[in-house]
């Protein structure tokens, strides 16, 4: 469901009765392949798609209120990074979903309106600051 927001090339599927995730390449139609054919950035998008889908499956159908995503953004091309960020922004605007992103990718800073920065001051002390860009 979410993968189509990131790229029109791949769709995720599985064989009935199996938990193995398979990938259909829409640019090169053939039988679905194991997810191991994906590059690092494509694997990240597939994992993010699955995480977002699973967060919707909470009992009662309400989904998770907050989803934290830790890294992986550095594996994305600039185009895919833009697609991922656009989709995460839409999730927030449409459904109020809060997504916490943990990343060191500089290009993301200008797209994230509220940032929590953790700076290590010594081996035993870190300082936390909250910055709102809007």
Protein backbone atom coordinates (compact mmCIF):
# COMPACT_ATOMS: atom_id res chain seq x y z
CA UNK A 1 0.00 0.00 0.00
CA UNK A 2 2.68 2.54 0.98
CA UNK A 3 5.34 1.36 -1.49
CA UNK A 4 3.43 2.94 -4.39
CA UNK A 5 3.93 6.34 -2.72
CA UNK A 6 7.70 5.89 -2.86
CA UNK A 7 8.13 4.37 -6.33
CA UNK A 8 6.02 3.09 -9.19
CA UNK A 9 8.59 0.42 -9.98
CA UNK A 10 7.98 -2.16 -7.24
CA UNK A 11 5.03 -3.75 -5.50
CA UNK A 12 5.31 -6.05 -2.50
CA UNK A 13 3.53 -9.38 -2.32
CA UNK A 14 3.86 -12.83 -0.78
CA UNK A 15 2.91 -16.37 -1.66
CA UNK A 16 -0.29 -17.56 0.03
CA UNK A 17 0.56 -19.38 3.25
CA UNK A 18 4.04 -17.85 3.39
CA UNK A 19 5.50 -14.94 5.34
CA UNK A 20 8.28 -14.34 2.80
CA UNK A 21 8.06 -10.89 1.20
CA UNK A 22 8.37 -10.97 -2.59
CA UNK A 23 8.96 -8.10 -4.98
CA UNK A 24 7.30 -7.53 -8.35
CA UNK A 25 9.32 -5.30 -10.68
CA UNK A 26 6.81 -3.38 -12.81
CA UNK A 27 9.57 -2.18 -15.17
CA UNK A 28 10.63 -5.78 -15.94
CA UNK A 29 7.56 -7.99 -15.57
CA UNK A 30 8.39 -11.51 -14.41
CA UNK A 31 7.59 -13.77 -11.50
CA UNK A 32 7.89 -12.10 -8.08
CA UNK A 33 11.46 -12.27 -6.74
CA UNK A 34 12.87 -12.45 -3.19
CA UNK A 35 13.32 -9.04 -1.56
CA UNK A 36 17.09 -9.63 -1.62
CA UNK A 37 17.11 -8.28 -5.22
CA UNK A 38 16.52 -4.75 -3.90
CA UNK A 39 19.31 -2.21 -3.45
CA UNK A 40 19.97 -0.63 -0.05
CA UNK A 41 17.67 2.33 -0.71
CA UNK A 42 14.97 0.15 -2.21
CA UNK A 43 15.18 -2.21 0.78
CA UNK A 44 14.74 0.76 3.08
CA UNK A 45 11.60 1.85 1.21
CA UNK A 46 10.21 -1.69 1.39
CA UNK A 47 10.92 -1.87 5.14
CA UNK A 48 9.37 1.54 5.71
CA UNK A 49 6.28 0.49 3.71
CA UNK A 50 5.89 -2.61 5.87
CA UNK A 51 6.41 -0.65 9.10
CA UNK A 52 3.76 1.91 8.12
CA UNK A 53 1.34 -0.86 7.18
CA UNK A 54 1.94 -2.73 10.43
CA UNK A 55 1.36 0.45 12.43
CA UNK A 56 -2.18 0.53 10.99
CA UNK A 57 -2.95 -2.98 12.23
CA UNK A 58 -3.29 -2.18 15.94
CA UNK A 59 -6.36 -3.81 17.46
CA UNK A 60 -9.40 -1.66 16.88
CA UNK A 61 -8.00 -0.46 13.55
CA UNK A 62 -6.85 2.88 14.94
CA UNK A 63 -3.19 2.33 14.16
CA UNK A 64 -0.25 3.59 16.16
CA UNK A 65 -0.23 7.26 17.10
CA UNK A 66 3.55 7.59 16.82
CA UNK A 67 6.02 5.69 14.67
CA UNK A 68 9.80 6.05 15.10
CA UNK A 69 12.07 5.35 12.17
CA UNK A 70 15.77 4.95 12.92
CA UNK A 71 18.12 5.61 10.03
CA UNK A 72 18.26 4.14 6.56
CA UNK A 73 17.65 7.52 4.94
CA UNK A 74 21.31 7.77 3.91
CA UNK A 75 20.81 4.83 1.52
CA UNK A 76 18.23 6.74 -0.54
CA UNK A 77 18.93 8.64 -3.74
CA UNK A 78 17.85 12.31 -3.65
CA UNK A 79 14.73 11.44 -5.69
CA UNK A 80 13.68 8.60 -3.39
CA UNK A 81 14.48 10.69 -0.29
CA UNK A 82 12.12 13.36 -1.61
CA UNK A 83 9.39 10.76 -2.26
CA UNK A 84 9.76 9.30 1.22
CA UNK A 85 9.66 12.71 2.91
CA UNK A 86 6.62 13.75 0.82
CA UNK A 87 4.77 10.59 1.87
CA UNK A 88 5.61 11.04 5.56
CA UNK A 89 4.41 14.66 5.40
CA UNK A 90 1.15 13.53 3.76
CA UNK A 91 0.60 10.94 6.51
CA UNK A 92 0.87 13.69 9.09
CA UNK A 93 -1.39 16.12 7.19
CA UNK A 94 -4.07 13.58 6.29
CA UNK A 95 -4.22 11.41 9.37
CA UNK A 96 -2.36 13.33 12.02
CA UNK A 97 0.19 10.50 12.22
CA UNK A 98 3.28 11.54 14.13
CA UNK A 99 6.50 10.11 12.74
CA UNK A 100 9.78 10.51 14.62
CA UNK A 101 12.80 10.31 12.34
CA UNK A 102 16.25 9.54 13.65
CA UNK A 103 18.84 10.52 11.07
CA UNK A 104 22.11 12.25 10.31
CA UNK A 105 21.19 13.12 6.69
CA UNK A 106 21.62 16.92 6.35
CA UNK A 107 19.04 17.27 3.53
CA UNK A 108 16.30 16.17 5.92
CA UNK A 109 16.84 19.05 8.36
CA UNK A 110 15.17 21.59 6.08
CA UNK A 111 12.10 19.33 5.67
CA UNK A 112 11.49 18.58 9.36
CA UNK A 113 9.73 21.46 11.15
CA UNK A 114 10.35 20.35 14.75
CA UNK A 115 13.68 18.83 15.67
CA UNK A 116 14.97 17.31 18.87
CA UNK A 117 18.74 17.56 18.94
CA UNK A 118 20.87 15.53 21.31
CA UNK A 119 24.44 16.75 21.73
CA UNK A 120 26.98 14.83 23.77
CA UNK A 121 28.89 17.13 26.10
CA UNK A 122 30.89 14.49 27.96
CA UNK A 123 30.86 10.70 28.33
CA UNK A 124 28.22 11.04 31.05
CA UNK A 125 26.23 14.09 29.86
CA UNK A 126 24.13 14.96 26.83
CA UNK A 127 22.14 18.12 26.25
CA UNK A 128 18.72 18.00 24.58
CA UNK A 129 17.30 20.96 22.69
CA UNK A 130 14.06 21.37 20.76
CA UNK A 131 14.05 23.58 17.69
CA UNK A 132 10.93 24.63 15.76
CA UNK A 133 11.63 25.86 12.23
CA UNK A 134 8.08 27.11 11.58
